[in-house]
C-alpha cells in the first residue's frame, strides 16, 4: 500500500526539517496496582502486545514463571497461557490470547524455584489505557527532491489492534511546529510494509524523520530518535532539470499489475517515461520511452517483493528514479466473484465463480493461488437497508427461510481467513422468490404429464414387439403347401364346415379311416419327361366318415 504526501517546497525556509510519522491508536499510559509484589507493564512492541513484570523485592530470584489469567466480564476459572508456562523470561506475548482491547484482564504471575512457589503477583490490565507504545521499525531512502519512508508492519495485523482501528498520520515539522498533517485509516487488510513518498522537497537539504505511535487520549507525545538524511544536490542542465513522475502507485487487481503515475509540469516539451523492475540485482526494462502514464507488470512472479522504478525523460536528459516495492500475492486486490442464482420458494440457490486471472490459463482462478478461500455473502430485501451476512467455505450457498414472492438482492466478496483479507464486493444481483402453491401445481402437472407419456410409449412398444414375434413365428413354422381350391371352397362354406366338424367321432369311439393323398399338377416346363403328369405332395391323411 502506498501513500503520497506533497508539499510546496517554497513554503519551507529552514534547511533542517523534521518529518514526524506516527500511528494514532486508542491507547493510554501504563497503570500498576498499588501494594502488589510486582510491577506490571503492558507494551506494544512491533505490533505485539507484551506483558512484562518486575519483582519489587530484588532478593527474591525465581528460576521460572507461569502466567494465568481471567477476564473480569466472564465468571470463569483461571486459564494458563500455554506459551508462558514454566518460562525463564520475565515477559509474555499475549497478543493472540487477549483479543479485545475493551476487556479487563486479571493476570496472575507465579514465580518458582524448583517446585517451591516464591512469589505470586495479581494484576489488573485494561489494554485500551494500560499499554505503552513503542515505535515501529522504519527505513528512509533519500533522492534529489523526495524521501521514501518505509514503515514496517507485520504480515497480519493482530485482531486486538484492528478491532480498535488504526489511524496512520504523517506530520512534517520545521522549527516553528507542524507544517502539514495527513491521516489515513488502516483496516485489517494492512500488512507488511507501508511506503510514504514525500516529494517536492528541497535538494541538498538535511531532513530528519521520526516514526512513533500516538495515543489519542494523551496530549504529550514521547519523542523517539529520528533518522536523518541529506538529499542529493540538483543536477542542472542547459534545458533545466527534468522533474520526476508524480503519484507513482501500483494498481493491481487479480494480478493484473499496472504501474501508474502522473506527468509533472515541464515547460520545455512533452516527457516520455521508462519503467524498470529489479531482477537478480539488475534492473530490467519493462517500458522504454513511452508517452503513456502506465506500464504493465503483470508478468512478474506472484510471490516475493519486487522493486519497481520509473523516471521521466526529455531528449538526452532524465529525472531521478522513483522507486516503489510491490508484493503481488500480498498487495493485489481480489476482484468481485461471479454469481449464478436460482430462485425457489423461500430459497435462493447461489453458485459462486472465483475471479479469473487474465494472464493465466482460462481455468486458473484466484482461488488456486491462496491456501484458504471463502465467500462473504450479504443479502437484503430490495428496498430495505437491513442486511444479513453469511460466510461460505464452498462454491455454493443456500439462503433459507426467505419470504415467497419477495425480491432479494445479493452481493458476494472473496475472503482469505488465514490472511484476514477481503476482496471487492460484486454488483448486487436481485431475484424474486416464487410462490409455494405455484410451485406445487406445476411440479404435479409436470410429473403427471411425464408419467402419461412414458406409459403410452411403453404400451406401444410392447404391442409392436408382440406383433413382430407373431409375424416371425408364422413365417418360421409355415410349410409353404396349400389345399386344393375345391377343398378351400368346401371348407369355407359355413354349412359344410359345421357338418364336417359334427361328423368327427368322439375320442373314445373306435373308427376306421381311409388314407387320402393330396396331389397337385406340375407344369410341363418343370415336368420330367420320363415321369407321370401327377405327383404326390403329401402323405398326410384326412379322415373321412
Protein backbone atom coordinates (compact mmCIF):
# COMPACT_ATOMS: atom_id res chain seq x y z
CA UNK A 1 0.00 0.00 0.00
CA UNK A 2 1.34 3.44 -0.85
CA UNK A 3 0.56 6.94 0.33
CA UNK A 4 1.70 10.14 -1.29
CA UNK A 5 2.21 13.43 0.50
CA UNK A 6 3.11 16.52 -1.48
CA UNK A 7 4.31 19.78 -0.06
CA UNK A 8 5.13 23.13 -1.57
CA UNK A 9 8.88 23.43 -1.18
CA UNK A 10 8.82 27.22 -1.33
CA UNK A 11 6.91 27.37 1.96
CA UNK A 12 9.83 25.74 3.81
CA UNK A 13 12.59 28.15 4.67
CA UNK A 14 14.87 26.32 7.15
CA UNK A 15 17.24 23.77 5.69
CA UNK A 16 16.86 21.35 8.61
CA UNK A 17 13.32 19.98 8.81
CA UNK A 18 11.84 17.17 10.90
CA UNK A 19 9.36 14.70 9.42
CA UNK A 20 7.30 13.03 12.13
CA UNK A 21 5.37 9.94 11.11
CA UNK A 22 3.05 8.44 13.72
CA UNK A 23 0.28 5.91 14.05
CA UNK A 24 -2.64 7.02 16.25
CA UNK A 25 -4.31 4.43 18.48
CA UNK A 26 -6.77 4.47 21.38
CA UNK A 27 -4.13 3.54 23.96
CA UNK A 28 -3.08 5.14 27.23
CA UNK A 29 -0.38 5.07 29.82
CA UNK A 30 0.72 2.15 31.98
CA UNK A 31 -1.00 1.58 35.30
CA UNK A 32 0.12 -0.65 38.18
CA UNK A 33 -1.78 -1.99 41.14
CA UNK A 34 -0.58 -0.39 44.41
CA UNK A 35 0.66 -2.65 47.18
CA UNK A 36 1.35 -5.59 44.89
CA UNK A 37 4.62 -7.53 44.91
CA UNK A 38 5.21 -6.95 41.21
CA UNK A 39 5.32 -4.05 38.79
CA UNK A 40 3.39 -4.94 35.63
CA UNK A 41 3.94 -3.29 32.26
CA UNK A 42 1.90 -3.65 29.07
CA UNK A 43 3.81 -2.68 25.92
CA UNK A 44 3.03 -2.69 22.21
CA UNK A 45 6.34 -3.79 20.67
CA UNK A 46 6.50 -4.31 16.90
CA UNK A 47 2.69 -4.55 16.95
CA UNK A 48 2.77 -7.36 19.54
CA UNK A 49 1.18 -6.97 22.99
CA UNK A 50 3.87 -7.85 25.57
CA UNK A 51 3.12 -8.21 29.30
CA UNK A 52 6.26 -7.89 31.44
CA UNK A 53 6.78 -7.90 35.19
CA UNK A 54 9.44 -6.92 37.73
CA UNK A 55 9.60 -8.03 41.36
CA UNK A 56 9.75 -5.20 43.88
CA UNK A 57 11.82 -7.35 46.22
CA UNK A 58 15.02 -7.97 44.26
CA UNK A 59 16.23 -10.51 46.82
CA UNK A 60 13.63 -12.96 45.51
CA UNK A 61 15.02 -14.60 42.38
CA UNK A 62 12.71 -17.24 40.85
CA UNK A 63 14.14 -19.66 38.32
CA UNK A 64 10.95 -19.80 36.24
CA UNK A 65 7.47 -18.27 35.98
CA UNK A 66 3.95 -19.25 34.90
CA UNK A 67 1.18 -16.89 33.81
CA UNK A 68 -2.54 -17.42 34.49
CA UNK A 69 -5.36 -15.01 33.75
CA UNK A 70 -9.10 -14.45 33.97
CA UNK A 71 -11.39 -11.94 32.26
CA UNK A 72 -13.36 -9.69 34.59
CA UNK A 73 -16.54 -9.80 32.48
CA UNK A 74 -16.61 -13.62 32.45
CA UNK A 75 -17.12 -15.76 35.58
CA UNK A 76 -14.56 -18.40 34.62
CA UNK A 77 -11.69 -20.20 36.30
CA UNK A 78 -8.14 -19.10 35.72
CA UNK A 79 -6.57 -20.13 32.43
CA UNK A 80 -2.88 -20.70 31.94
CA UNK A 81 -1.15 -19.13 28.95
CA UNK A 82 0.35 -22.21 27.30
CA UNK A 83 3.29 -20.37 25.76
CA UNK A 84 4.11 -18.79 29.11
CA UNK A 85 4.17 -21.83 31.41
CA UNK A 86 7.47 -22.59 33.22
CA UNK A 87 9.36 -19.87 31.33
CA UNK A 88 12.63 -18.33 32.48
CA UNK A 89 11.99 -14.87 30.98
CA UNK A 90 10.02 -12.17 32.78
CA UNK A 91 7.66 -11.28 29.93
CA UNK A 92 4.93 -12.95 27.86
CA UNK A 93 3.41 -12.28 24.42
CA UNK A 94 -0.36 -12.16 24.98
CA UNK A 95 -1.36 -10.81 21.56
CA UNK A 96 -3.16 -13.97 20.48
CA UNK A 97 -4.66 -14.64 23.92
CA UNK A 98 -6.03 -11.22 24.87
CA UNK A 99 -8.02 -10.36 21.75
CA UNK A 100 -10.15 -7.44 22.94
CA UNK A 101 -8.88 -4.02 23.92
CA UNK A 102 -12.09 -3.26 25.80
CA UNK A 103 -11.80 -6.18 28.25
CA UNK A 104 -10.21 -6.03 31.71
CA UNK A 105 -7.77 -8.90 32.27
CA UNK A 106 -6.67 -10.20 35.67
CA UNK A 107 -3.18 -11.73 35.27
CA UNK A 108 -1.55 -13.85 37.97
CA UNK A 109 2.22 -14.37 37.77
CA UNK A 110 3.70 -17.13 39.93
CA UNK A 111 7.44 -17.39 40.44
CA UNK A 112 9.08 -20.73 41.31
CA UNK A 113 12.42 -22.05 42.38
CA UNK A 114 12.30 -25.75 41.65
CA UNK A 115 8.93 -26.93 42.98
CA UNK A 116 8.72 -24.16 45.57
CA UNK A 117 6.48 -21.13 44.99
CA UNK A 118 8.43 -17.98 45.88
CA UNK A 119 6.06 -15.21 44.83
CA UNK A 120 2.60 -14.65 43.36
CA UNK A 121 1.56 -11.38 41.73
CA UNK A 122 -2.01 -10.32 40.92
CA UNK A 123 -2.64 -7.51 38.44
CA UNK A 124 -5.37 -5.64 36.65
CA UNK A 125 -4.81 -4.73 32.98
CA UNK A 126 -7.12 -2.76 30.71
CA UNK A 127 -5.23 -2.71 27.35
CA UNK A 128 -7.10 0.29 25.97
CA UNK A 129 -5.43 2.52 28.58
CA UNK A 130 -2.66 0.45 30.20
CA UNK A 131 -0.50 -0.16 27.15
CA UNK A 132 2.59 1.88 26.33
CA UNK A 133 3.56 2.18 22.69
CA UNK A 134 6.97 1.56 21.20
CA UNK A 135 7.76 2.94 17.74
CA UNK A 136 7.57 0.58 14.76
CA UNK A 137 10.63 -0.16 12.66
CA UNK A 138 11.13 2.04 9.62
CA UNK A 139 13.64 2.98 6.95
CA UNK A 140 14.16 6.09 4.83
CA UNK A 141 15.59 6.44 1.32
CA UNK A 142 16.58 9.88 0.06
CA UNK A 143 16.59 11.19 -3.51
CA UNK A 144 17.05 14.60 -5.05
CA UNK A 145 13.72 16.13 -4.08
CA UNK A 146 11.79 13.39 -2.28
CA UNK A 147 12.11 10.82 0.51
CA UNK A 148 10.61 7.33 0.71
CA UNK A 149 9.59 6.49 4.28
CA UNK A 150 9.04 2.72 4.68
CA UNK A 151 7.15 1.75 7.84
CA UNK A 152 7.31 -1.96 8.61
CA UNK A 153 4.10 -3.76 9.58
CA UNK A 154 3.61 -7.44 10.47
CA UNK A 155 2.20 -9.84 7.83
CA UNK A 156 -1.12 -9.88 9.71
CA UNK A 157 -2.41 -7.12 11.98
CA UNK A 158 -3.42 -8.72 15.34
CA UNK A 159 -7.12 -8.88 15.99
CA UNK A 160 -6.71 -6.83 19.15
CA UNK A 161 -5.44 -3.88 17.13
CA UNK A 162 -7.59 -3.82 14.00
CA UNK A 163 -10.76 -4.14 16.09
CA UNK A 164 -9.98 -0.76 17.61
CA UNK A 165 -9.00 0.77 14.29
CA UNK A 166 -5.58 2.22 13.44
CA UNK A 167 -5.05 5.71 12.14
CA UNK A 168 -1.82 6.41 10.30
CA UNK A 169 -0.67 10.03 10.32
CA UNK A 170 2.21 11.77 8.55
CA UNK A 171 3.46 15.03 10.02
CA UNK A 172 6.04 17.45 8.62
CA UNK A 173 7.66 19.78 11.12
CA UNK A 174 10.04 22.67 10.95
CA UNK A 175 11.39 24.83 13.75
CA UNK A 176 8.04 26.58 14.02
CA UNK A 177 6.00 23.38 14.58
CA UNK A 178 3.74 21.20 12.47
CA UNK A 179 3.54 22.32 8.83
CA UNK A 180 1.23 19.62 7.43
CA UNK A 181 -0.59 16.60 8.78
CA UNK A 182 -2.22 13.81 6.79
CA UNK A 183 -4.26 10.91 8.23
CA UNK A 184 -5.21 7.59 6.67
CA UNK A 185 -7.42 4.96 8.30
CA UNK A 186 -5.92 1.48 8.40
CA UNK A 187 -8.12 -1.61 8.19
CA UNK A 188 -7.41 -5.29 8.82
CA UNK A 189 -6.02 -5.77 5.29
CA UNK A 190 -2.94 -3.68 6.03
CA UNK A 191 0.13 -5.88 6.20
CA UNK A 192 3.87 -5.91 5.64
CA UNK A 193 5.33 -2.54 4.60
CA UNK A 194 3.89 0.92 4.02
CA UNK A 195 5.80 3.28 1.75
CA UNK A 196 5.24 7.03 2.03
CA UNK A 197 6.62 9.15 -0.81
CA UNK A 198 7.24 12.71 0.38
CA UNK A 199 8.05 14.74 -2.71
CA UNK A 200 8.68 18.34 -3.77
CA UNK A 201 11.40 18.74 -1.15
CA UNK A 202 14.47 20.94 -1.44
CA UNK A 203 17.54 19.24 -2.96
CA UNK A 204 20.78 19.21 -0.99
CA UNK A 205 18.86 19.65 2.28
CA UNK A 206 19.06 17.68 5.51
CA UNK A 207 15.77 16.11 6.61
CA UNK A 208 15.07 14.11 9.78
CA UNK A 209 12.27 11.58 10.06
CA UNK A 210 10.76 10.23 13.26
CA UNK A 211 8.15 7.47 13.39
CA UNK A 212 6.13 6.86 16.53
CA UNK A 213 2.72 5.76 17.86
CA UNK A 214 0.50 8.41 19.37
CA UNK A 215 -2.24 7.61 21.91
CA UNK A 216 -5.36 9.68 21.30
CA UNK A 217 -6.13 10.22 24.96
CA UNK A 218 -2.67 11.58 25.87
CA UNK A 219 -1.57 15.09 24.98
CA UNK A 220 2.15 14.61 25.49
CA UNK A 221 3.96 12.57 22.85
CA UNK A 222 7.25 10.91 23.63
CA UNK A 223 9.89 11.82 21.07
CA UNK A 224 11.99 8.99 19.69
CA UNK A 225 15.38 9.23 17.94
CA UNK A 226 14.99 10.46 14.38
CA UNK A 227 16.70 9.24 11.23
CA UNK A 228 18.28 11.97 9.15
CA UNK A 229 19.35 12.07 5.53
CA UNK A 230 20.88 14.66 3.20
CA UNK A 231 19.15 14.84 -0.16
CA UNK A 232 21.23 14.79 -3.33
CA UNK A 233 22.11 18.08 -5.00
CA UNK A 234 20.16 19.19 -8.05
CA UNK A 235 21.74 18.40 -11.41
CA UNK A 236 21.27 21.43 -13.63
CA UNK A 237 21.47 21.28 -17.42
CA UNK A 238 21.01 23.67 -20.28
CA UNK A 239 17.38 22.64 -20.56
CA UNK A 240 16.77 22.64 -16.83
CA UNK A 241 16.24 19.66 -14.52
CA UNK A 242 13.65 17.11 -15.61
CA UNK A 243 11.20 16.60 -12.71
CA UNK A 244 10.37 13.01 -11.66
CA UNK A 245 6.94 11.40 -12.18
CA UNK A 246 4.34 12.16 -9.53
CA UNK A 247 1.96 9.94 -7.57
CA UNK A 248 3.69 6.70 -8.56
CA UNK A 249 1.49 3.79 -7.48
CA UNK A 250 0.65 0.19 -8.31
CA UNK A 251 -2.89 -0.62 -9.38
CA UNK A 252 -3.16 -4.40 -9.11
CA UNK A 253 -6.43 -6.34 -9.42
CA UNK A 254 -6.36 -10.13 -9.80
CA UNK A 255 -2.61 -9.93 -10.53
CA UNK A 256 -3.18 -7.50 -13.39
CA UNK A 257 -0.31 -5.30 -12.20
CA UNK A 258 -0.35 -1.80 -13.73
CA UNK A 259 2.22 0.73 -12.53
CA UNK A 260 0.69 4.20 -12.85
CA UNK A 261 1.99 7.73 -12.41
CA UNK A 262 1.28 11.35 -13.28
CA UNK A 263 3.36 13.55 -15.54
CA UNK A 264 4.99 16.53 -13.82
CA UNK A 265 4.76 20.02 -15.23
CA UNK A 266 7.61 20.62 -17.67
CA UNK A 267 7.54 23.73 -19.90
CA UNK A 268 10.28 22.60 -22.33
CA UNK A 269 8.24 19.92 -24.08
CA UNK A 270 6.50 16.57 -23.81
CA UNK A 271 8.05 13.99 -21.50
CA UNK A 272 8.47 10.27 -22.05
CA UNK A 273 8.93 7.64 -19.35
CA UNK A 274 10.92 4.48 -18.72
CA UNK A 275 9.87 1.86 -16.15
CA UNK A 276 12.05 -0.98 -14.85
CA UNK A 277 12.00 -3.83 -12.32
CA UNK A 278 14.81 -5.36 -10.27
CA UNK A 279 15.75 -8.88 -11.34
CA UNK A 280 18.74 -10.73 -9.88
CA UNK A 281 20.36 -7.50 -8.63
CA UNK A 282 19.99 -5.85 -12.02
CA UNK A 283 17.21 -3.61 -13.30
CA UNK A 284 15.42 -4.78 -16.44
CA UNK A 285 13.41 -2.54 -18.78
CA UNK A 286 9.67 -3.10 -18.96
CA UNK A 287 8.53 0.08 -20.75
CA UNK A 288 11.03 2.28 -22.64
CA UNK A 289 10.36 5.83 -23.81
CA UNK A 290 6.59 5.55 -23.52
CA UNK A 291 4.32 8.58 -23.54
CA UNK A 292 1.71 6.63 -21.57
CA UNK A 293 1.22 7.18 -17.84
CA UNK A 294 1.25 3.46 -17.02
CA UNK A 295 3.21 0.26 -17.56
CA UNK A 296 2.01 -3.35 -17.34
CA UNK A 297 4.00 -5.51 -14.89
CA UNK A 298 1.57 -8.47 -14.91
CA UNK A 299 4.37 -10.83 -15.91
CA UNK A 300 6.08 -10.54 -12.51
CA UNK A 301 6.18 -13.53 -10.21
CA UNK A 302 3.24 -13.57 -7.84
CA UNK A 303 5.47 -14.27 -4.84
CA UNK A 304 8.18 -12.18 -3.20
CA UNK A 305 8.89 -8.45 -3.05
CA UNK A 306 9.64 -6.63 -6.30
CA UNK A 307 11.37 -3.26 -6.62
CA UNK A 308 9.95 -1.16 -9.46
CA UNK A 309 11.06 2.27 -10.62
CA UNK A 310 10.10 4.88 -13.20
CA UNK A 311 11.66 8.14 -14.42
CA UNK A 312 10.78 10.98 -16.78
CA UNK A 313 12.90 11.72 -19.86
CA UNK A 314 13.32 14.61 -22.27
CA UNK A 315 15.76 14.18 -25.17
CA UNK A 316 19.11 13.38 -23.50
CA UNK A 317 18.02 14.45 -20.00
CA UNK A 318 16.15 12.43 -17.41
CA UNK A 319 14.82 12.75 -13.88
CA UNK A 320 15.71 10.74 -10.81
CA UNK A 321 14.16 7.30 -10.43
CA UNK A 322 11.08 6.93 -8.26
CA UNK A 323 11.10 3.53 -6.54
CA UNK A 324 8.30 1.50 -5.00
CA UNK A 325 8.16 -2.00 -3.50
CA UNK A 326 5.39 -4.38 -4.52
CA UNK A 327 4.47 -7.94 -3.50
CA UNK A 328 1.71 -9.25 -5.82
CA UNK A 329 0.37 -12.07 -3.62
CA UNK A 330 0.02 -9.66 -0.67
CA UNK A 331 -0.84 -6.37 -2.37
CA UNK A 332 -3.09 -7.34 -5.29
CA UNK A 333 -6.79 -6.61 -4.88
CA UNK A 334 -9.11 -9.60 -5.23
CA UNK A 335 -11.80 -8.66 -7.71
CA UNK A 336 -15.50 -9.41 -7.28
CA UNK A 337 -16.57 -13.06 -7.80
CA UNK A 338 -19.34 -14.05 -10.17
CA UNK A 339 -22.72 -15.47 -9.14
CA UNK A 340 -25.41 -17.74 -10.57
CA UNK A 341 -28.69 -17.57 -8.64
CA UNK A 342 -31.71 -19.89 -8.84
CA UNK A 343 -34.85 -18.71 -7.07
CA UNK A 344 -37.25 -21.17 -5.39
CA UNK A 345 -39.97 -20.78 -2.79
CA UNK A 346 -38.31 -19.45 0.40
CA UNK A 347 -34.87 -20.35 -1.02
CA UNK A 348 -32.13 -18.88 -3.15
CA UNK A 349 -29.53 -21.31 -4.53
CA UNK A 350 -26.27 -19.45 -5.23
CA UNK A 351 -23.25 -20.76 -7.12
CA UNK A 352 -20.03 -18.75 -6.84
CA UNK A 353 -17.42 -18.26 -9.57
CA UNK A 354 -13.95 -17.25 -8.35
CA UNK A 355 -12.32 -14.31 -10.19
CA UNK A 356 -10.21 -15.36 -13.16
CA UNK A 357 -6.56 -14.43 -13.69
CA UNK A 358 -6.28 -12.89 -17.14
CA UNK A 359 -2.60 -13.75 -17.55
CA UNK A 360 -3.08 -17.44 -16.72
CA UNK A 361 -4.88 -20.38 -18.31
CA UNK A 362 -8.63 -19.82 -18.62
CA UNK A 363 -9.38 -22.39 -15.90
CA UNK A 364 -6.92 -20.79 -13.44
CA UNK A 365 -8.62 -18.57 -10.86
CA UNK A 366 -7.63 -16.58 -7.79
CA UNK A 367 -8.82 -19.48 -5.65
CA UNK A 368 -5.93 -21.60 -6.96
CA UNK A 369 -3.34 -19.13 -5.59
CA UNK A 370 -4.29 -18.91 -1.91
CA UNK A 371 -4.32 -21.69 0.67
CA UNK A 372 -7.61 -20.65 2.26
CA UNK A 373 -10.61 -19.29 0.38
CA UNK A 374 -14.15 -18.46 1.40
CA UNK A 375 -17.00 -16.18 0.34
CA UNK A 376 -18.73 -13.45 2.33
CA UNK A 377 -22.36 -13.16 1.21
CA UNK A 378 -24.67 -10.34 2.19
CA UNK A 379 -28.31 -10.18 1.18
CA UNK A 380 -31.30 -7.99 1.87
CA UNK A 381 -34.85 -7.33 0.77
CA UNK A 382 -34.97 -4.99 -2.18
CA UNK A 383 -35.64 -1.51 -0.83
CA UNK A 384 -34.53 -2.35 2.72
CA UNK A 385 -31.32 -1.18 4.45
CA UNK A 386 -31.13 -4.18 6.81
CA UNK A 387 -28.52 -6.60 5.50
CA UNK A 388 -27.63 -10.10 6.65
CA UNK A 389 -24.25 -11.72 6.10
CA UNK A 390 -23.09 -15.33 5.93
CA UNK A 391 -19.71 -16.90 5.15
CA UNK A 392 -19.44 -19.95 2.91
CA UNK A 393 -16.44 -22.25 2.65
CA UNK A 394 -17.77 -23.82 -0.56
CA UNK A 395 -18.61 -22.74 -4.10
CA UNK A 396 -22.32 -22.68 -3.35
CA UNK A 397 -24.68 -21.42 -0.68
CA UNK A 398 -28.41 -21.79 0.04
CA UNK A 399 -30.22 -18.84 1.59
CA UNK A 400 -33.14 -20.31 3.53
CA UNK A 401 -36.27 -19.12 5.33
CA UNK A 402 -36.98 -16.35 2.82
CA UNK A 403 -40.39 -14.92 2.09
CA UNK A 404 -42.19 -16.13 -1.07
CA UNK A 405 -42.82 -13.67 -3.90
CA UNK A 406 -40.19 -11.30 -2.45
CA UNK A 407 -37.23 -9.75 -4.26
CA UNK A 408 -33.87 -10.24 -2.54
CA UNK A 409 -30.58 -8.64 -3.57
CA UNK A 410 -27.29 -10.49 -3.08
CA UNK A 411 -23.62 -9.42 -3.07
CA UNK A 412 -20.53 -11.57 -2.63
CA UNK A 413 -16.83 -10.97 -1.96
CA UNK A 414 -13.84 -13.25 -1.59
CA UNK A 415 -12.39 -13.76 1.90
CA UNK A 416 -9.00 -15.20 2.90
CA UNK A 417 -9.32 -16.45 6.51
CA UNK A 418 -5.60 -17.07 7.07
CA UNK A 419 -4.69 -13.54 5.91
CA UNK A 420 -7.84 -11.86 7.22
CA UNK A 421 -8.11 -10.23 3.80
CA UNK A 422 -11.23 -9.43 1.83
CA UNK A 423 -11.77 -8.64 -1.84
CA UNK A 424 -14.11 -6.30 -3.67
CA UNK A 425 -17.88 -6.71 -3.44
CA UNK A 426 -19.70 -7.77 -6.57
CA UNK A 427 -22.52 -5.74 -8.05
CA UNK A 428 -25.88 -6.58 -6.41
CA UNK A 429 -27.97 -9.23 -8.18
CA UNK A 430 -31.68 -9.22 -7.37
CA UNK A 431 -34.02 -12.23 -7.75
CA UNK A 432 -37.65 -12.82 -6.73
CA UNK A 433 -38.61 -15.98 -4.83
CA UNK A 434 -41.65 -17.87 -6.19
CA UNK A 435 -44.94 -18.96 -4.59
CA UNK A 436 -45.29 -22.33 -2.82
CA UNK A 437 -48.71 -23.12 -4.48
CA UNK A 438 -47.49 -22.26 -7.96
CA UNK A 439 -44.51 -24.47 -7.45
CA UNK A 440 -46.64 -27.43 -6.27
CA UNK A 441 -49.18 -27.16 -9.13
CA UNK A 442 -46.60 -27.04 -11.87
CA UNK A 443 -44.48 -29.77 -10.31
CA UNK A 444 -47.53 -32.11 -10.07
CA UNK A 445 -48.63 -31.27 -13.62
CA UNK A 446 -45.17 -31.94 -14.98
CA UNK A 447 -44.92 -35.27 -13.13
CA UNK A 448 -48.36 -36.47 -14.32
CA UNK A 449 -47.68 -35.48 -17.94
CA UNK A 450 -44.27 -37.16 -17.91
CA UNK A 451 -45.74 -40.36 -16.43
CA UNK A 452 -48.54 -40.45 -19.07
CA UNK A 453 -46.08 -40.09 -21.93
CA UNK A 454 -43.87 -42.84 -20.50
CA UNK A 455 -46.79 -45.30 -20.07
CA UNK A 456 -48.08 -44.64 -23.62
CA UNK A 457 -44.64 -45.22 -25.10
CA UNK A 458 -44.26 -48.43 -23.07
CA UNK A 459 -47.62 -49.88 -24.24
CA UNK A 460 -46.94 -49.03 -27.85
CA UNK A 461 -43.53 -50.67 -27.63
CA UNK A 462 -44.98 -53.87 -26.13
CA UNK A 463 -47.65 -54.09 -28.86
CA UNK A 464 -45.07 -53.65 -31.61
CA UNK A 465 -42.85 -56.30 -30.03
CA UNK A 466 -45.69 -58.86 -29.83
CA UNK A 467 -46.70 -58.18 -33.45
CA UNK A 468 -43.13 -58.76 -34.62
CA UNK A 469 -42.91 -62.01 -32.65
CA UNK A 470 -46.21 -63.21 -34.16
CA UNK A 471 -45.15 -62.48 -37.73
CA UNK A 472 -41.76 -64.12 -37.19
CA UNK A 473 -43.32 -67.26 -35.68
CA UNK A 474 -45.87 -67.59 -38.50
CA UNK A 475 -43.19 -67.28 -41.14
CA UNK A 476 -40.88 -69.78 -39.39
CA UNK A 477 -43.43 -72.59 -38.93
CA UNK A 478 -45.33 -72.22 -42.27
CA UNK A 479 -44.87 -75.37 -44.59
CA UNK A 480 -45.48 -73.49 -47.82
CA UNK A 481 -48.16 -76.07 -49.09
CA UNK A 482 -51.75 -75.05 -49.88
CA UNK A 483 -55.02 -77.07 -50.08
CA UNK A 484 -56.70 -77.53 -53.44
CA UNK A 485 -59.10 -74.81 -54.41
CA UNK A 486 -62.22 -77.01 -54.31
CA UNK A 487 -61.41 -78.13 -50.71
CA UNK A 488 -60.90 -74.48 -49.67
CA UNK A 489 -64.30 -73.59 -51.14
CA UNK A 490 -65.90 -76.60 -49.46
CA UNK A 491 -64.45 -75.78 -46.05
CA UNK A 492 -65.20 -72.10 -46.43
CA UNK A 493 -68.92 -72.79 -46.72
CA UNK A 494 -70.39 -72.47 -43.19
CA UNK A 495 -72.86 -75.35 -43.60
CA UNK A 496 -70.23 -77.80 -44.84
CA UNK A 497 -67.73 -76.81 -42.23
CA UNK A 498 -70.24 -77.40 -39.44
CA UNK A 499 -71.25 -80.85 -40.84
CA UNK A 500 -67.64 -81.85 -41.16
CA UNK A 501 -66.99 -80.88 -37.55
CA UNK A 502 -70.01 -82.78 -36.25
CA UNK A 503 -69.05 -85.85 -38.26
CA UNK A 504 -65.85 -86.23 -36.28
CA UNK A 505 -66.16 -89.13 -33.78
CA UNK A 506 -65.54 -88.68 -30.05
CA UNK A 507 -62.15 -89.51 -28.72
CA UNK A 508 -63.30 -92.72 -27.08
CA UNK A 509 -65.04 -94.22 -30.18
CA UNK A 510 -63.18 -96.61 -32.44
CA UNK A 511 -63.30 -95.61 -36.08
CA UNK A 512 -61.53 -96.72 -39.22
CA UNK A 513 -60.19 -94.02 -41.59
CA UNK A 514 -59.14 -94.28 -45.21
CA UNK A 515 -55.91 -92.71 -46.39
CA UNK A 516 -56.26 -89.74 -48.74
CA UNK A 517 -53.30 -88.39 -50.69
CA UNK A 518 -53.32 -84.74 -51.84
CA UNK A 519 -51.64 -84.30 -55.22
CA UNK A 520 -51.06 -81.31 -57.48
CA UNK A 521 -50.25 -80.87 -61.14
CA UNK A 522 -46.74 -79.93 -62.19
CA UNK A 523 -46.25 -77.56 -65.11
CA UNK A 524 -44.93 -79.04 -68.36
CA UNK A 525 -41.75 -76.97 -68.19
CA UNK A 526 -40.79 -78.48 -64.90
CA UNK A 527 -42.18 -81.96 -65.65
CA UNK A 528 -39.80 -84.81 -66.11
CA UNK A 529 -40.47 -86.46 -69.47
CA UNK A 530 -39.95 -89.90 -68.02
CA UNK A 531 -42.34 -89.43 -65.14
CA UNK A 532 -46.12 -89.16 -64.99
CA UNK A 533 -48.04 -85.93 -65.11
CA UNK A 534 -49.08 -86.13 -61.46
CA UNK A 535 -47.07 -86.44 -58.23
CA UNK A 536 -47.86 -86.85 -54.57
CA UNK A 537 -47.18 -83.71 -52.43
CA UNK A 538 -48.12 -85.04 -49.09
CA UNK A 539 -48.94 -88.30 -47.49
CA UNK A 540 -50.95 -86.60 -44.80
CA UNK A 541 -54.22 -88.41 -44.44
CA UNK A 542 -57.54 -86.70 -43.89
CA UNK A 543 -60.30 -88.52 -42.08
CA UNK A 544 -63.44 -89.44 -43.98
CA UNK A 545 -66.53 -90.67 -42.30
